[in-house]
Amino acid sequence: MLLANLFEDRNVIFCTEKGNYITSSQLIAYVKKISDQMKGQPFNVHDLRHTYVTRLFEYGEDPKKVQALVGHSSIKTTMDIYTHITDEEKRKSVSSLDMLHSEIG
């Protein structure tokens, strides 16, 4: 609230307290600090991009829209490299198959 009058909204995800752009080294250091504080597997800035794409697909977003959002020239890049199947999604698929089997049998 103290900086509300000084904040300039530049429509970016990562910025300074006043809304200014940050350098790539600042972003890397910030994400590393968060990663180090969290328990579990370490992650980096680029991992966040993969997570973003994966989550969009989990929520049913159209592949061409996702491709446009992340700026890939090829849908193949988006689908083959950036999309990951989470354990939860695997469980949902198995559960769906179990439900289908119980309806048939």
PDB file of N, CA and C in Angstrom:
ATOM      1  N   MET A   1       0.827  -1.197   0.000  1.00  0.00           N
ATOM      2  CA  MET A   1       0.000   0.000   0.000  1.00  0.00           C
ATOM      3  C   MET A   1       0.870   1.259   0.000  1.00  0.00           C
ATOM      4  N   LEU A   2       2.029   1.185   0.666  1.00  0.00           N
ATOM      5  CA  LEU A   2       2.889   2.357   0.709  1.00  0.00           C
ATOM      6  C   LEU A   2       3.387   2.745  -0.677  1.00  0.00           C
ATOM      7  N   LEU A   3       3.538   1.761  -1.553  1.00  0.00           N
ATOM      8  CA  LEU A   3       4.054   2.018  -2.889  1.00  0.00           C
ATOM      9  C   LEU A   3       2.951   2.135  -3.943  1.00  0.00           C
ATOM     10  N   ALA A   4       1.697   2.097  -3.526  1.00  0.00           N
ATOM     11  CA  ALA A   4       0.582   2.080  -4.475  1.00  0.00           C
ATOM     12  C   ALA A   4       0.650   3.242  -5.462  1.00  0.00           C
ATOM     13  N   ASN A   5       0.974   4.420  -5.004  1.00  0.00           N
ATOM     14  CA  ASN A   5       1.047   5.582  -5.895  1.00  0.00           C
ATOM     15  C   ASN A   5       2.295   5.555  -6.765  1.00  0.00           C
ATOM     16  N   LEU A   6       3.289   4.772  -6.385  1.00  0.00           N
ATOM     17  CA  LEU A   6       4.542   4.711  -7.134  1.00  0.00           C
ATOM     18  C   LEU A   6       4.587   3.523  -8.089  1.00  0.00           C
ATOM     19  N   PHE A   7       3.647   2.593  -7.948  1.00  0.00           N
ATOM     20  CA  PHE A   7       3.660   1.370  -8.753  1.00  0.00           C
ATOM     21  C   PHE A   7       3.154   1.639 -10.162  1.00  0.00           C
ATOM     22  N   GLU A   8       3.923   1.194 -11.151  1.00  0.00           N
ATOM     23  CA  GLU A   8       3.515   1.318 -12.546  1.00  0.00           C
ATOM     24  C   GLU A   8       3.251  -0.084 -13.084  1.00  0.00           C
ATOM     25  N   ASP A   9       2.010  -0.354 -13.447  1.00  0.00           N
ATOM     26  CA  ASP A   9       1.635  -1.672 -13.944  1.00  0.00           C
ATOM     27  C   ASP A   9       2.082  -1.822 -15.395  1.00  0.00           C
ATOM     28  N   ARG A  10       3.080  -2.666 -15.604  1.00  0.00           N
ATOM     29  CA  ARG A  10       3.618  -2.909 -16.945  1.00  0.00           C
ATOM     30  C   ARG A  10       3.130  -4.255 -17.502  1.00  0.00           C
ATOM     31  N   ASN A  11       2.200  -4.883 -16.766  1.00  0.00           N
ATOM     32  CA  ASN A  11       1.626  -6.155 -17.201  1.00  0.00           C
ATOM     33  C   ASN A  11       2.694  -7.244 -17.360  1.00  0.00           C
ATOM     34  N   VAL A  12       3.579  -7.325 -16.378  1.00  0.00           N
ATOM     35  CA  VAL A  12       4.605  -8.365 -16.383  1.00  0.00           C
ATOM     36  C   VAL A  12       4.437  -9.227 -15.139  1.00  0.00           C
ATOM     37  N   ILE A  13       4.946 -10.435 -15.207  1.00  0.00           N
ATOM     38  CA  ILE A  13       4.810 -11.364 -14.091  1.00  0.00           C
ATOM     39  C   ILE A  13       5.798 -11.038 -12.984  1.00  0.00           C
ATOM     40  N   PHE A  14       7.046 -10.802 -13.361  1.00  0.00           N
ATOM     41  CA  PHE A  14       8.094 -10.515 -12.382  1.00  0.00           C
ATOM     42  C   PHE A  14       8.544  -9.067 -12.546  1.00  0.00           C
ATOM     43  N   CYS A  15       8.505  -8.330 -11.446  1.00  0.00           N
ATOM     44  CA  CYS A  15       8.899  -6.920 -11.509  1.00  0.00           C
ATOM     45  C   CYS A  15       9.407  -6.480 -10.136  1.00  0.00           C
ATOM     46  N   THR A  16       9.928  -5.262 -10.084  1.00  0.00           N
ATOM     47  CA  THR A  16      10.354  -4.694  -8.813  1.00  0.00           C
ATOM     48  C   THR A  16       9.116  -4.240  -8.030  1.00  0.00           C
ATOM     49  N   GLU A  17       9.346  -3.771  -6.830  1.00  0.00           N
ATOM     50  CA  GLU A  17       8.243  -3.308  -5.985  1.00  0.00           C
ATOM     51  C   GLU A  17       7.502  -2.122  -6.606  1.00  0.00           C
ATOM     52  N   LYS A  18       8.152  -1.414  -7.516  1.00  0.00           N
ATOM     53  CA  LYS A  18       7.527  -0.274  -8.182  1.00  0.00           C
ATOM     54  C   LYS A  18       6.997  -0.625  -9.563  1.00  0.00           C
ATOM     55  N   GLY A  19       7.101  -1.912  -9.940  1.00  0.00           N
ATOM     56  CA  GLY A  19       6.577  -2.348 -11.228  1.00  0.00           C
ATOM     57  C   GLY A  19       7.557  -2.268 -12.375  1.00  0.00           C
ATOM     58  N   ASN A  20       8.799  -1.911 -12.071  1.00  0.00           N
ATOM     59  CA  ASN A  20       9.805  -1.819 -13.124  1.00  0.00           C
ATOM     60  C   ASN A  20      10.301  -3.207 -13.532  1.00  0.00           C
ATOM     61  N   TYR A  21      10.864  -3.275 -14.718  1.00  0.00           N
ATOM     62  CA  TYR A  21      11.411  -4.532 -15.214  1.00  0.00           C
ATOM     63  C   TYR A  21      12.607  -4.952 -14.366  1.00  0.00           C
ATOM     64  N   ILE A  22      12.810  -6.253 -14.270  1.00  0.00           N
ATOM     65  CA  ILE A  22      13.998  -6.760 -13.582  1.00  0.00           C
ATOM     66  C   ILE A  22      14.894  -7.417 -14.616  1.00  0.00           C
ATOM     67  N   THR A  23      16.154  -7.551 -14.263  1.00  0.00           N
ATOM     68  CA  THR A  23      17.107  -8.187 -15.166  1.00  0.00           C
ATOM     69  C   THR A  23      16.960  -9.705 -15.060  1.00  0.00           C
ATOM     70  N   SER A  24      17.465 -10.395 -16.054  1.00  0.00           N
ATOM     71  CA  SER A  24      17.392 -11.856 -16.018  1.00  0.00           C
ATOM     72  C   SER A  24      18.176 -12.411 -14.831  1.00  0.00           C
ATOM     73  N   SER A  25      19.285 -11.782 -14.477  1.00  0.00           N
ATOM     74  CA  SER A  25      20.053 -12.275 -13.330  1.00  0.00           C
ATOM     75  C   SER A  25      19.286 -12.070 -12.027  1.00  0.00           C
ATOM     76  N   GLN A  26      18.512 -10.984 -11.922  1.00  0.00           N
ATOM     77  CA  GLN A  26      17.675 -10.766 -10.732  1.00  0.00           C
ATOM     78  C   GLN A  26      16.590 -11.849 -10.646  1.00  0.00           C
ATOM     79  N   LEU A  27      15.984 -12.154 -11.788  1.00  0.00           N
ATOM     80  CA  LEU A  27      14.941 -13.181 -11.815  1.00  0.00           C
ATOM     81  C   LEU A  27      15.512 -14.539 -11.430  1.00  0.00           C
ATOM     82  N   ILE A  28      16.640 -14.896 -11.988  1.00  0.00           N
ATOM     83  CA  ILE A  28      17.271 -16.181 -11.678  1.00  0.00           C
ATOM     84  C   ILE A  28      17.592 -16.269 -10.195  1.00  0.00           C
ATOM     85  N   ALA A  29      18.133 -15.205  -9.631  1.00  0.00           N
ATOM     86  CA  ALA A  29      18.471 -15.194  -8.202  1.00  0.00           C
ATOM     87  C   ALA A  29      17.213 -15.313  -7.343  1.00  0.00           C
ATOM     88  N   TYR A  30      16.146 -14.622  -7.736  1.00  0.00           N
ATOM     89  CA  TYR A  30      14.896 -14.656  -6.986  1.00  0.00           C
ATOM     90  C   TYR A  30      14.295 -16.066  -6.996  1.00  0.00           C
ATOM     91  N   VAL A  31      14.226 -16.680  -8.156  1.00  0.00           N
ATOM     92  CA  VAL A  31      13.663 -18.022  -8.262  1.00  0.00           C
ATOM     93  C   VAL A  31      14.543 -19.029  -7.529  1.00  0.00           C
ATOM     94  N   LYS A  32      15.859 -18.874  -7.612  1.00  0.00           N
ATOM     95  CA  LYS A  32      16.760 -19.779  -6.880  1.00  0.00           C
ATOM     96  C   LYS A  32      16.531 -19.666  -5.376  1.00  0.00           C
ATOM     97  N   LYS A  33      16.341 -18.454  -4.887  1.00  0.00           N
ATOM     98  CA  LYS A  33      16.085 -18.242  -3.457  1.00  0.00           C
ATOM     99  C   LYS A  33      14.804 -18.971  -3.031  1.00  0.00           C
ATOM    100  N   ILE A  34      13.751 -18.848  -3.835  1.00  0.00           N
ATOM    101  CA  ILE A  34      12.492 -19.537  -3.529  1.00  0.00           C
ATOM    102  C   ILE A  34      12.688 -21.046  -3.582  1.00  0.00           C
ATOM    103  N   SER A  35      13.370 -21.518  -4.615  1.00  0.00           N
ATOM    104  CA  SER A  35      13.617 -22.955  -4.768  1.00  0.00           C
ATOM    105  C   SER A  35      14.389 -23.511  -3.576  1.00  0.00           C
ATOM    106  N   ASP A  36      15.396 -22.776  -3.134  1.00  0.00           N
ATOM    107  CA  ASP A  36      16.207 -23.216  -1.992  1.00  0.00           C
ATOM    108  C   ASP A  36      15.391 -23.280  -0.706  1.00  0.00           C
ATOM    109  N   GLN A  37      14.403 -22.411  -0.577  1.00  0.00           N
ATOM    110  CA  GLN A  37      13.574 -22.369   0.630  1.00  0.00           C
ATOM    111  C   GLN A  37      12.519 -23.471   0.658  1.00  0.00           C
ATOM    112  N   MET A  38      12.193 -23.991  -0.514  1.00  0.00           N
ATOM    113  CA  MET A  38      11.144 -25.005  -0.603  1.00  0.00           C
ATOM    114  C   MET A  38      11.733 -26.399  -0.425  1.00  0.00           C
ATOM    115  N   LYS A  39      10.922 -27.273   0.109  1.00  0.00           N
ATOM    116  CA  LYS A  39      11.330 -28.669   0.223  1.00  0.00           C
ATOM    117  C   LYS A  39      10.962 -29.368  -1.073  1.00  0.00           C
ATOM    118  N   GLY A  40      11.753 -30.318  -1.467  1.00  0.00           N
ATOM    119  CA  GLY A  40      11.457 -31.045  -2.697  1.00  0.00           C
ATOM    120  C   GLY A  40      12.520 -30.815  -3.749  1.00  0.00           C
ATOM    121  N   GLN A  41      12.157 -31.130  -4.965  1.00  0.00           N
ATOM    122  CA  GLN A  41      13.098 -31.047  -6.072  1.00  0.00           C
ATOM    123  C   GLN A  41      13.375 -29.588  -6.443  1.00  0.00           C
ATOM    124  N   PRO A  42      14.649 -29.224  -6.586  1.00  0.00           N
ATOM    125  CA  PRO A  42      14.972 -27.852  -6.986  1.00  0.00           C
ATOM    126  C   PRO A  42      14.400 -27.535  -8.373  1.00  0.00           C
ATOM    127  N   PHE A  43      14.119 -26.267  -8.625  1.00  0.00           N
ATOM    128  CA  PHE A  43      13.606 -25.853  -9.930  1.00  0.00           C
ATOM    129  C   PHE A  43      14.252 -24.546 -10.331  1.00  0.00           C
ATOM    130  N   ASN A  44      14.127 -24.227 -11.614  1.00  0.00           N
ATOM    131  CA  ASN A  44      14.678 -22.974 -12.115  1.00  0.00           C
ATOM    132  C   ASN A  44      13.597 -22.209 -12.882  1.00  0.00           C
ATOM    133  N   VAL A  45      13.967 -21.078 -13.431  1.00  0.00           N
ATOM    134  CA  VAL A  45      13.010 -20.220 -14.125  1.00  0.00           C
ATOM    135  C   VAL A  45      12.345 -20.962 -15.285  1.00  0.00           C
ATOM    136  N   HIS A  46      13.135 -21.675 -16.056  1.00  0.00           N
ATOM    137  CA  HIS A  46      12.573 -22.349 -17.228  1.00  0.00           C
ATOM    138  C   HIS A  46      11.591 -23.453 -16.831  1.00  0.00           C
ATOM    139  N   ASP A  47      11.803 -24.075 -15.690  1.00  0.00           N
ATOM    140  CA  ASP A  47      10.855 -25.085 -15.208  1.00  0.00           C
ATOM    141  C   ASP A  47       9.465 -24.482 -15.002  1.00  0.00           C
ATOM    142  N   LEU A  48       9.407 -23.218 -14.611  1.00  0.00           N
ATOM    143  CA  LEU A  48       8.119 -22.553 -14.425  1.00  0.00           C
ATOM    144  C   LEU A  48       7.355 -22.471 -15.739  1.00  0.00           C
ATOM    145  N   ARG A  49       8.073 -22.294 -16.834  1.00  0.00           N
ATOM    146  CA  ARG A  49       7.447 -22.241 -18.165  1.00  0.00           C
ATOM    147  C   ARG A  49       6.823 -23.585 -18.517  1.00  0.00           C
ATOM    148  N   HIS A  50       7.535 -24.674 -18.236  1.00  0.00           N
ATOM    149  CA  HIS A  50       7.003 -26.012 -18.489  1.00  0.00           C
ATOM    150  C   HIS A  50       5.755 -26.252 -17.640  1.00  0.00           C
ATOM    151  N   THR A  51       5.811 -25.838 -16.382  1.00  0.00           N
ATOM    152  CA  THR A  51       4.666 -26.005 -15.485  1.00  0.00           C
ATOM    153  C   THR A  51       3.459 -25.216 -15.997  1.00  0.00           C
ATOM    154  N   TYR A  52       3.679 -24.015 -16.444  1.00  0.00           N
ATOM    155  CA  TYR A  52       2.610 -23.176 -16.995  1.00  0.00           C
ATOM    156  C   TYR A  52       1.908 -23.887 -18.153  1.00  0.00           C
ATOM    157  N   VAL A  53       2.693 -24.403 -19.086  1.00  0.00           N
ATOM    158  CA  VAL A  53       2.122 -25.091 -20.249  1.00  0.00           C
ATOM    159  C   VAL A  53       1.363 -26.338 -19.812  1.00  0.00           C
ATOM    160  N   THR A  54       1.964 -27.130 -18.949  1.00  0.00           N
ATOM    161  CA  THR A  54       1.332 -28.361 -18.480  1.00  0.00           C
ATOM    162  C   THR A  54       0.002 -28.060 -17.798  1.00  0.00           C
ATOM    163  N   ARG A  55      -0.020 -27.065 -16.940  1.00  0.00           N
ATOM    164  CA  ARG A  55      -1.253 -26.719 -16.221  1.00  0.00           C
ATOM    165  C   ARG A  55      -2.336 -26.212 -17.166  1.00  0.00           C
ATOM    166  N   LEU A  56      -1.964 -25.439 -18.175  1.00  0.00           N
ATOM    167  CA  LEU A  56      -2.959 -24.984 -19.148  1.00  0.00           C
ATOM    168  C   LEU A  56      -3.632 -26.171 -19.819  1.00  0.00           C
ATOM    169  N   PHE A  57      -2.851 -27.180 -20.186  1.00  0.00           N
ATOM    170  CA  PHE A  57      -3.433 -28.366 -20.814  1.00  0.00           C
ATOM    171  C   PHE A  57      -4.294 -29.146 -19.831  1.00  0.00           C
ATOM    172  N   GLU A  58      -3.864 -29.230 -18.576  1.00  0.00           N
ATOM    173  CA  GLU A  58      -4.669 -29.930 -17.571  1.00  0.00           C
ATOM    174  C   GLU A  58      -6.040 -29.275 -17.409  1.00  0.00           C
ATOM    175  N   TYR A  59      -6.104 -27.974 -17.578  1.00  0.00           N
ATOM    176  CA  TYR A  59      -7.371 -27.263 -17.446  1.00  0.00           C
ATOM    177  C   TYR A  59      -8.132 -27.179 -18.759  1.00  0.00           C
ATOM    178  N   GLY A  60      -7.654 -27.909 -19.784  1.00  0.00           N
ATOM    179  CA  GLY A  60      -8.398 -28.043 -21.021  1.00  0.00           C
ATOM    180  C   GLY A  60      -8.205 -26.938 -22.043  1.00  0.00           C
ATOM    181  N   GLU A  61      -7.142 -26.181 -21.906  1.00  0.00           N
ATOM    182  CA  GLU A  61      -6.912 -25.094 -22.863  1.00  0.00           C
ATOM    183  C   GLU A  61      -6.555 -25.648 -24.246  1.00  0.00           C
ATOM    184  N   ASP A  62      -6.962 -24.954 -25.264  1.00  0.00           N
ATOM    185  CA  ASP A  62      -6.716 -25.339 -26.644  1.00  0.00           C
ATOM    186  C   ASP A  62      -5.212 -25.296 -26.957  1.00  0.00           C
ATOM    187  N   PRO A  63      -4.657 -26.357 -27.565  1.00  0.00           N
ATOM    188  CA  PRO A  63      -3.220 -26.397 -27.863  1.00  0.00           C
ATOM    189  C   PRO A  63      -2.715 -25.214 -28.696  1.00  0.00           C
ATOM    190  N   LYS A  64      -3.482 -24.756 -29.676  1.00  0.00           N
ATOM    191  CA  LYS A  64      -3.026 -23.631 -30.495  1.00  0.00           C
ATOM    192  C   LYS A  64      -2.954 -22.339 -29.677  1.00  0.00           C
ATOM    193  N   LYS A  65      -3.861 -22.180 -28.724  1.00  0.00           N
ATOM    194  CA  LYS A  65      -3.815 -21.006 -27.859  1.00  0.00           C
ATOM    195  C   LYS A  65      -2.583 -21.057 -26.970  1.00  0.00           C
ATOM    196  N   VAL A  66      -2.297 -22.243 -26.435  1.00  0.00           N
ATOM    197  CA  VAL A  66      -1.112 -22.399 -25.582  1.00  0.00           C
ATOM    198  C   VAL A  66       0.147 -22.103 -26.390  1.00  0.00           C
ATOM    199  N   GLN A  67       0.210 -22.633 -27.598  1.00  0.00           N
ATOM    200  CA  GLN A  67       1.349 -22.381 -28.473  1.00  0.00           C
ATOM    201  C   GLN A  67       1.550 -20.875 -28.658  1.00  0.00           C
ATOM    202  N   ALA A  68       0.469 -20.154 -28.904  1.00  0.00           N
ATOM    203  CA  ALA A  68       0.553 -18.705 -29.097  1.00  0.00           C
ATOM    204  C   ALA A  68       1.002 -17.993 -27.816  1.00  0.00           C
ATOM    205  N   LEU A  69       0.474 -18.429 -26.684  1.00  0.00           N
ATOM    206  CA  LEU A  69       0.829 -17.796 -25.413  1.00  0.00           C
ATOM    207  C   LEU A  69       2.318 -17.910 -25.094  1.00  0.00           C
ATOM    208  N   VAL A  70       2.912 -19.052 -25.415  1.00  0.00           N
ATOM    209  CA  VAL A  70       4.329 -19.242 -25.090  1.00  0.00           C
ATOM    210  C   VAL A  70       5.254 -18.883 -26.247  1.00  0.00           C
ATOM    211  N   GLY A  71       4.665 -18.541 -27.399  1.00  0.00           N
ATOM    212  CA  GLY A  71       5.456 -18.041 -28.503  1.00  0.00           C
ATOM    213  C   GLY A  71       6.222 -19.073 -29.309  1.00  0.00           C
ATOM    214  N   HIS A  72       5.744 -20.307 -29.317  1.00  0.00           N
ATOM    215  CA  HIS A  72       6.408 -21.331 -30.118  1.00  0.00           C
ATOM    216  C   HIS A  72       5.972 -21.224 -31.574  1.00  0.00           C
ATOM    217  N   SER A  73       6.912 -21.404 -32.493  1.00  0.00           N
ATOM    218  CA  SER A  73       6.559 -21.367 -33.917  1.00  0.00           C
ATOM    219  C   SER A  73       5.939 -22.692 -34.357  1.00  0.00           C
ATOM    220  N   SER A  74       6.165 -23.746 -33.583  1.00  0.00           N
ATOM    221  CA  SER A  74       5.652 -25.072 -33.939  1.00  0.00           C
ATOM    222  C   SER A  74       4.848 -25.665 -32.785  1.00  0.00           C
ATOM    223  N   ILE A  75       3.673 -26.194 -33.093  1.00  0.00           N
ATOM    224  CA  ILE A  75       2.868 -26.873 -32.082  1.00  0.00           C
ATOM    225  C   ILE A  75       3.591 -28.110 -31.571  1.00  0.00           C
ATOM    226  N   LYS A  76       4.455 -28.679 -32.391  1.00  0.00           N
ATOM    227  CA  LYS A  76       5.224 -29.868 -32.000  1.00  0.00           C
ATOM    228  C   LYS A  76       6.118 -29.551 -30.788  1.00  0.00           C
ATOM    229  N   THR A  77       6.728 -28.388 -30.782  1.00  0.00           N
ATOM    230  CA  THR A  77       7.555 -27.981 -29.637  1.00  0.00           C
ATOM    231  C   THR A  77       6.705 -27.915 -28.380  1.00  0.00           C
ATOM    232  N   THR A  78       5.557 -27.277 -28.498  1.00  0.00           N
ATOM    233  CA  THR A  78       4.666 -27.124 -27.344  1.00  0.00           C
ATOM    234  C   THR A  78       4.232 -28.482 -26.815  1.00  0.00           C
ATOM    235  N   MET A  79       3.818 -29.354 -27.700  1.00  0.00           N
ATOM    236  CA  MET A  79       3.265 -30.639 -27.287  1.00  0.00           C
ATOM    237  C   MET A  79       4.338 -31.642 -26.840  1.00  0.00           C
ATOM    238  N   ASP A  80       5.445 -31.704 -27.572  1.00  0.00           N
ATOM    239  CA  ASP A  80       6.438 -32.744 -27.308  1.00  0.00           C
ATOM    240  C   ASP A  80       7.442 -32.374 -26.215  1.00  0.00           C
ATOM    241  N   ILE A  81       7.729 -31.106 -26.055  1.00  0.00           N
ATOM    242  CA  ILE A  81       8.773 -30.705 -25.110  1.00  0.00           C
ATOM    243  C   ILE A  81       8.196 -30.078 -23.845  1.00  0.00           C
ATOM    244  N   TYR A  82       7.149 -29.245 -23.981  1.00  0.00           N
ATOM    245  CA  TYR A  82       6.667 -28.475 -22.843  1.00  0.00           C
ATOM    246  C   TYR A  82       5.500 -29.100 -22.101  1.00  0.00           C
ATOM    247  N   THR A  83       4.861 -30.093 -22.688  1.00  0.00           N
ATOM    248  CA  THR A  83       3.712 -30.709 -22.041  1.00  0.00           C
ATOM    249  C   THR A  83       4.165 -31.952 -21.283  1.00  0.00           C
ATOM    250  N   HIS A  84       3.803 -32.020 -20.026  1.00  0.00           N
ATOM    251  CA  HIS A  84       4.165 -33.161 -19.187  1.00  0.00           C
ATOM    252  C   HIS A  84       2.890 -33.728 -18.559  1.00  0.00           C
ATOM    253  N   ILE A  85       2.865 -35.021 -18.373  1.00  0.00           N
ATOM    254  CA  ILE A  85       1.724 -35.668 -17.737  1.00  0.00           C
ATOM    255  C   ILE A  85       2.065 -35.872 -16.262  1.00  0.00           C
ATOM    256  N   THR A  86       1.278 -35.275 -15.394  1.00  0.00           N
ATOM    257  CA  THR A  86       1.520 -35.398 -13.959  1.00  0.00           C
ATOM    258  C   THR A  86       0.977 -36.720 -13.436  1.00  0.00           C
ATOM    259  N   ASP A  87       1.450 -37.112 -12.267  1.00  0.00           N
ATOM    260  CA  ASP A  87       0.945 -38.341 -11.643  1.00  0.00           C
ATOM    261  C   ASP A  87      -0.558 -38.259 -11.408  1.00  0.00           C
ATOM    262  N   GLU A  88      -1.048 -37.081 -11.056  1.00  0.00           N
ATOM    263  CA  GLU A  88      -2.487 -36.900 -10.832  1.00  0.00           C
ATOM    264  C   GLU A  88      -3.273 -37.152 -12.114  1.00  0.00           C
ATOM    265  N   GLU A  89      -2.764 -36.667 -13.239  1.00  0.00           N
ATOM    266  CA  GLU A  89      -3.432 -36.897 -14.517  1.00  0.00           C
ATOM    267  C   GLU A  89      -3.416 -38.383 -14.879  1.00  0.00           C
ATOM    268  N   LYS A  90      -2.342 -39.069 -14.566  1.00  0.00           N
ATOM    269  CA  LYS A  90      -2.278 -40.518 -14.810  1.00  0.00           C
ATOM    270  C   LYS A  90      -3.334 -41.240 -13.971  1.00  0.00           C
ATOM    271  N   ARG A  91      -3.468 -40.826 -12.696  1.00  0.00           N
ATOM    272  CA  ARG A  91      -4.468 -41.441 -11.817  1.00  0.00           C
ATOM    273  C   ARG A  91      -5.885 -41.216 -12.355  1.00  0.00           C
ATOM    274  N   LYS A  92      -6.147 -40.012 -12.857  1.00  0.00           N
ATOM    275  CA  LYS A  92      -7.465 -39.718 -13.420  1.00  0.00           C
ATOM    276  C   LYS A  92      -7.757 -40.627 -14.611  1.00  0.00           C
ATOM    277  N   SER A  93      -6.767 -40.844 -15.455  1.00  0.00           N
ATOM    278  CA  SER A  93      -6.952 -41.703 -16.626  1.00  0.00           C
ATOM    279  C   SER A  93      -7.235 -43.138 -16.216  1.00  0.00           C
ATOM    280  N   VAL A  94      -6.492 -43.629 -15.245  1.00  0.00           N
ATOM    281  CA  VAL A  94      -6.710 -44.996 -14.766  1.00  0.00           C
ATOM    282  C   VAL A  94      -8.087 -45.108 -14.132  1.00  0.00           C
ATOM    283  N   SER A  95      -8.478 -44.099 -13.368  1.00  0.00           N
ATOM    284  CA  SER A  95      -9.786 -44.090 -12.734  1.00  0.00           C
ATOM    285  C   SER A  95     -10.894 -44.100 -13.780  1.00  0.00           C
ATOM    286  N   SER A  96     -10.728 -43.343 -14.857  1.00  0.00           N
ATOM    287  CA  SER A  96     -11.715 -43.326 -15.929  1.00  0.00           C
ATOM    288  C   SER A  96     -11.854 -44.704 -16.560  1.00  0.00           C
ATOM    289  N   LEU A  97     -10.738 -45.359 -16.755  1.00  0.00           N
ATOM    290  CA  LEU A  97     -10.757 -46.700 -17.328  1.00  0.00           C
ATOM    291  C   LEU A  97     -11.437 -47.675 -16.376  1.00  0.00           C
ATOM    292  N   ASP A  98     -11.166 -47.536 -15.076  1.00  0.00           N
ATOM    293  CA  ASP A  98     -11.822 -48.390 -14.087  1.00  0.00           C
ATOM    294  C   ASP A  98     -13.337 -48.184 -14.105  1.00  0.00           C
ATOM    295  N   MET A  99     -13.766 -46.929 -14.225  1.00  0.00           N
ATOM    296  CA  MET A  99     -15.204 -46.650 -14.262  1.00  0.00           C
ATOM    297  C   MET A  99     -15.840 -47.244 -15.511  1.00  0.00           C
ATOM    298  N   LEU A 100     -15.158 -47.148 -16.637  1.00  0.00           N
ATOM    299  CA  LEU A 100     -15.667 -47.723 -17.886  1.00  0.00           C
ATOM    300  C   LEU A 100     -15.790 -49.232 -17.766  1.00  0.00           C
ATOM    301  N   HIS A 101     -14.792 -49.854 -17.170  1.00  0.00           N
ATOM    302  CA  HIS A 101     -14.798 -51.306 -16.976  1.00  0.00           C
ATOM    303  C   HIS A 101     -15.959 -51.743 -16.089  1.00  0.00           C
ATOM    304  N   SER A 102     -16.214 -50.972 -15.027  1.00  0.00           N
ATOM    305  CA  SER A 102     -17.302 -51.340 -14.119  1.00  0.00           C
ATOM    306  C   SER A 102     -18.676 -51.146 -14.782  1.00  0.00           C
ATOM    307  N   GLU A 103     -18.798 -50.185 -15.699  1.00  0.00           N
ATOM    308  CA  GLU A 103     -20.069 -49.987 -16.411  1.00  0.00           C
ATOM    309  C   GLU A 103     -20.333 -51.123 -17.396  1.00  0.00           C
ATOM    310  N   ILE A 104     -19.268 -51.620 -17.997  1.00  0.00           N
ATOM    311  CA  ILE A 104     -19.400 -52.715 -18.981  1.00  0.00           C
ATOM    312  C   ILE A 104     -19.651 -54.042 -18.273  1.00  0.00           C
ATOM    313  N   GLY A 105     -18.898 -54.257 -17.205  1.00  0.00           N
ATOM    314  CA  GLY A 105     -18.954 -55.544 -16.510  1.00  0.00           C
ATOM    315  C   GLY A 105     -20.024 -55.566 -15.517  1.00  0.00           C
TER     316      GLY A 105
END
